[in-house]
N, C-alpha and C. Protein backbone atom coordinates (compact mmCIF):
# COMPACT_ATOMS: atom_id res chain seq x y z
N MET A 1 -0.38 13.86 2.33
CA MET A 1 -1.75 13.38 2.40
C MET A 1 -2.54 14.23 3.40
N LYS A 2 -3.81 14.28 3.22
CA LYS A 2 -4.65 15.02 4.13
C LYS A 2 -4.66 14.33 5.49
N ALA A 3 -4.81 15.12 6.56
CA ALA A 3 -4.81 14.57 7.91
C ALA A 3 -5.91 13.53 8.09
N GLU A 4 -7.10 13.80 7.53
CA GLU A 4 -8.20 12.85 7.72
C GLU A 4 -7.92 11.54 6.99
N GLN A 5 -7.21 11.58 5.86
CA GLN A 5 -6.91 10.35 5.16
C GLN A 5 -5.84 9.56 5.89
N SER A 6 -4.93 10.23 6.60
CA SER A 6 -3.86 9.51 7.28
C SER A 6 -4.42 8.58 8.36
N GLN A 7 -5.62 8.87 8.85
CA GLN A 7 -6.24 8.02 9.84
C GLN A 7 -7.21 7.03 9.19
N ALA A 8 -7.51 7.25 7.94
CA ALA A 8 -8.44 6.37 7.22
C ALA A 8 -7.63 5.41 6.35
N ASN A 9 -8.21 5.00 5.27
CA ASN A 9 -7.54 4.08 4.35
C ASN A 9 -6.51 4.82 3.53
N GLN A 10 -5.37 4.17 3.35
CA GLN A 10 -4.31 4.72 2.52
C GLN A 10 -3.96 3.69 1.46
N PHE A 11 -3.47 4.20 0.34
CA PHE A 11 -3.11 3.34 -0.77
C PHE A 11 -1.78 3.78 -1.36
N ALA A 12 -1.10 2.85 -2.04
CA ALA A 12 0.16 3.15 -2.69
C ALA A 12 0.27 2.31 -3.97
N VAL A 13 0.97 2.85 -4.95
CA VAL A 13 1.22 2.15 -6.20
C VAL A 13 2.59 1.50 -6.13
N CYS A 14 2.67 0.26 -6.56
CA CYS A 14 3.95 -0.46 -6.59
C CYS A 14 4.79 0.05 -7.77
N LEU A 15 6.03 0.44 -7.48
CA LEU A 15 6.95 0.93 -8.50
C LEU A 15 8.02 -0.10 -8.87
N ASN A 16 8.27 -1.06 -7.96
CA ASN A 16 9.37 -2.00 -8.16
C ASN A 16 9.04 -3.30 -7.44
N ASN A 17 9.03 -4.41 -8.17
CA ASN A 17 8.75 -5.70 -7.54
C ASN A 17 9.94 -6.66 -7.62
N GLU A 18 11.12 -6.13 -7.90
CA GLU A 18 12.32 -6.95 -8.02
C GLU A 18 12.52 -7.80 -6.76
N GLY A 19 12.61 -9.11 -6.96
CA GLY A 19 12.77 -10.03 -5.84
C GLY A 19 11.45 -10.46 -5.21
N TYR A 20 10.35 -9.84 -5.62
CA TYR A 20 9.04 -10.15 -5.04
C TYR A 20 7.98 -10.28 -6.13
N LYS A 21 8.34 -10.86 -7.26
CA LYS A 21 7.42 -10.92 -8.40
C LYS A 21 6.13 -11.69 -8.11
N ALA A 22 6.17 -12.65 -7.19
CA ALA A 22 4.96 -13.39 -6.83
C ALA A 22 4.09 -12.61 -5.85
N SER A 23 4.69 -11.65 -5.14
CA SER A 23 3.97 -10.91 -4.09
C SER A 23 3.48 -9.55 -4.52
N LEU A 24 4.16 -8.94 -5.51
CA LEU A 24 3.86 -7.57 -5.91
C LEU A 24 3.78 -7.45 -7.42
N GLU A 25 2.89 -6.56 -7.89
CA GLU A 25 2.77 -6.26 -9.32
C GLU A 25 3.05 -4.77 -9.53
N VAL A 26 3.99 -4.47 -10.41
CA VAL A 26 4.30 -3.08 -10.72
C VAL A 26 3.06 -2.42 -11.32
N GLY A 27 2.75 -1.22 -10.84
CA GLY A 27 1.61 -0.47 -11.34
C GLY A 27 0.30 -0.75 -10.60
N LYS A 28 0.29 -1.74 -9.74
CA LYS A 28 -0.93 -2.09 -9.02
C LYS A 28 -1.05 -1.23 -7.76
N ILE A 29 -2.29 -0.90 -7.41
CA ILE A 29 -2.57 -0.13 -6.21
C ILE A 29 -2.76 -1.11 -5.06
N TYR A 30 -2.05 -0.86 -3.96
CA TYR A 30 -2.14 -1.71 -2.76
C TYR A 30 -2.63 -0.90 -1.57
N ARG A 31 -3.34 -1.57 -0.69
CA ARG A 31 -3.79 -0.93 0.55
C ARG A 31 -2.63 -0.91 1.54
N VAL A 32 -2.44 0.24 2.16
CA VAL A 32 -1.38 0.42 3.15
C VAL A 32 -1.97 0.21 4.54
N ILE A 33 -1.23 -0.53 5.36
CA ILE A 33 -1.59 -0.72 6.76
C ILE A 33 -0.66 0.18 7.57
N LEU A 34 -1.24 1.08 8.36
CA LEU A 34 -0.42 1.99 9.15
C LEU A 34 0.42 1.21 10.15
N ASP A 35 1.74 1.45 10.14
CA ASP A 35 2.67 0.76 11.02
C ASP A 35 3.82 1.72 11.30
N GLU A 36 3.76 2.40 12.44
CA GLU A 36 4.76 3.41 12.76
C GLU A 36 6.16 2.82 12.89
N GLU A 37 6.27 1.62 13.44
CA GLU A 37 7.57 0.98 13.60
C GLU A 37 8.19 0.68 12.23
N ALA A 38 7.39 0.14 11.33
CA ALA A 38 7.88 -0.13 9.98
C ALA A 38 8.31 1.17 9.31
N SER A 39 7.49 2.19 9.41
CA SER A 39 7.78 3.48 8.79
C SER A 39 9.09 4.06 9.33
N ALA A 40 9.32 3.94 10.62
CA ALA A 40 10.56 4.44 11.23
C ALA A 40 11.79 3.72 10.71
N ASN A 41 11.59 2.53 10.15
CA ASN A 41 12.69 1.74 9.62
C ASN A 41 12.74 1.75 8.08
N GLY A 42 12.04 2.72 7.46
CA GLY A 42 12.06 2.85 6.01
C GLY A 42 11.23 1.82 5.27
N LEU A 43 10.26 1.24 5.99
CA LEU A 43 9.40 0.21 5.40
C LEU A 43 7.97 0.70 5.31
N ILE A 44 7.20 0.03 4.46
CA ILE A 44 5.77 0.29 4.35
C ILE A 44 5.07 -1.06 4.42
N ARG A 45 4.00 -1.13 5.18
CA ARG A 45 3.25 -2.39 5.33
C ARG A 45 2.07 -2.34 4.40
N ILE A 46 1.99 -3.31 3.51
CA ILE A 46 0.90 -3.37 2.54
C ILE A 46 0.28 -4.77 2.53
N ILE A 47 -0.93 -4.85 2.00
CA ILE A 47 -1.56 -6.15 1.78
C ILE A 47 -1.15 -6.58 0.38
N ASP A 48 -0.36 -7.65 0.30
CA ASP A 48 0.19 -8.07 -0.98
C ASP A 48 -0.73 -9.05 -1.70
N GLU A 49 -0.20 -9.70 -2.74
CA GLU A 49 -1.00 -10.61 -3.57
C GLU A 49 -1.51 -11.83 -2.81
N SER A 50 -0.88 -12.17 -1.68
CA SER A 50 -1.34 -13.32 -0.89
C SER A 50 -2.56 -12.97 -0.05
N GLY A 51 -2.86 -11.66 0.06
CA GLY A 51 -3.96 -11.21 0.90
C GLY A 51 -3.54 -10.94 2.33
N GLU A 52 -2.25 -11.14 2.61
CA GLU A 52 -1.70 -10.89 3.94
C GLU A 52 -0.92 -9.58 3.92
N ASP A 53 -0.70 -8.99 5.10
CA ASP A 53 0.08 -7.76 5.14
C ASP A 53 1.54 -8.08 5.47
N TYR A 54 2.43 -7.44 4.72
CA TYR A 54 3.86 -7.60 4.88
C TYR A 54 4.53 -6.24 4.74
N ALA A 55 5.71 -6.11 5.35
CA ALA A 55 6.48 -4.87 5.24
C ALA A 55 7.48 -5.00 4.10
N PHE A 56 7.51 -3.99 3.25
CA PHE A 56 8.44 -3.92 2.14
C PHE A 56 9.16 -2.57 2.22
N SER A 57 10.27 -2.46 1.53
CA SER A 57 10.98 -1.19 1.46
C SER A 57 10.03 -0.12 0.91
N ALA A 58 9.96 1.00 1.60
CA ALA A 58 9.03 2.06 1.21
C ALA A 58 9.33 2.62 -0.18
N ASN A 59 10.60 2.53 -0.62
CA ASN A 59 10.91 3.10 -1.93
C ASN A 59 10.38 2.24 -3.08
N ARG A 60 9.76 1.12 -2.79
CA ARG A 60 9.11 0.30 -3.82
C ARG A 60 7.72 0.84 -4.17
N PHE A 61 7.22 1.78 -3.38
CA PHE A 61 5.85 2.27 -3.51
C PHE A 61 5.79 3.78 -3.55
N TYR A 62 4.70 4.27 -4.15
CA TYR A 62 4.42 5.70 -4.17
C TYR A 62 3.03 5.89 -3.57
N PRO A 63 2.94 6.60 -2.44
CA PRO A 63 1.62 6.81 -1.83
C PRO A 63 0.72 7.68 -2.70
N ILE A 64 -0.56 7.33 -2.75
CA ILE A 64 -1.51 8.09 -3.56
C ILE A 64 -2.79 8.35 -2.78
N GLU A 65 -3.49 9.39 -3.17
CA GLU A 65 -4.83 9.64 -2.67
C GLU A 65 -5.80 9.22 -3.77
N VAL A 66 -6.88 8.57 -3.38
CA VAL A 66 -7.87 8.14 -4.36
C VAL A 66 -9.22 8.74 -4.00
N PRO A 67 -10.06 9.03 -4.99
CA PRO A 67 -11.40 9.52 -4.72
C PRO A 67 -12.22 8.46 -3.98
N LYS A 68 -13.21 8.89 -3.23
CA LYS A 68 -14.04 7.99 -2.42
C LYS A 68 -14.60 6.81 -3.22
N PRO A 69 -15.15 7.00 -4.43
CA PRO A 69 -15.67 5.85 -5.18
C PRO A 69 -14.58 4.82 -5.52
N VAL A 70 -13.36 5.30 -5.79
CA VAL A 70 -12.25 4.39 -6.09
C VAL A 70 -11.86 3.65 -4.81
N GLU A 71 -11.79 4.36 -3.70
CA GLU A 71 -11.48 3.74 -2.41
C GLU A 71 -12.48 2.61 -2.10
N GLU A 72 -13.75 2.89 -2.28
CA GLU A 72 -14.78 1.89 -2.02
C GLU A 72 -14.61 0.67 -2.92
N ALA A 73 -14.29 0.90 -4.19
CA ALA A 73 -14.08 -0.22 -5.11
C ALA A 73 -12.86 -1.04 -4.71
N LEU A 74 -11.78 -0.37 -4.33
CA LEU A 74 -10.56 -1.07 -3.92
C LEU A 74 -10.79 -1.89 -2.65
N LEU A 75 -11.57 -1.37 -1.73
CA LEU A 75 -11.81 -2.06 -0.48
C LEU A 75 -12.78 -3.24 -0.66
N SER A 76 -13.57 -3.22 -1.72
CA SER A 76 -14.52 -4.32 -1.95
C SER A 76 -13.88 -5.51 -2.63
N VAL A 77 -12.67 -5.32 -3.19
CA VAL A 77 -11.94 -6.40 -3.86
C VAL A 77 -11.31 -7.29 -2.79
N GLY A 78 -11.42 -8.59 -2.99
CA GLY A 78 -10.73 -9.48 -2.06
C GLY A 78 -11.63 -10.37 -1.42
């Protein structure tokens, strides 16, 4: 990811929701909350379907870059 995006909003697509079907939807884009401690432990912190942020195994997600208009639309949801 670009350095400027790493400090701004980040997003990831869910690849696997096994065991978390109520919290995660495969193929859905989620907002990532930067958490160095979680990252150091192989986790990624995202805002899930409950609207709260939780740490999940990072291999459940694929980080993506989105164009500014998409970012604005994603941030306005909720």
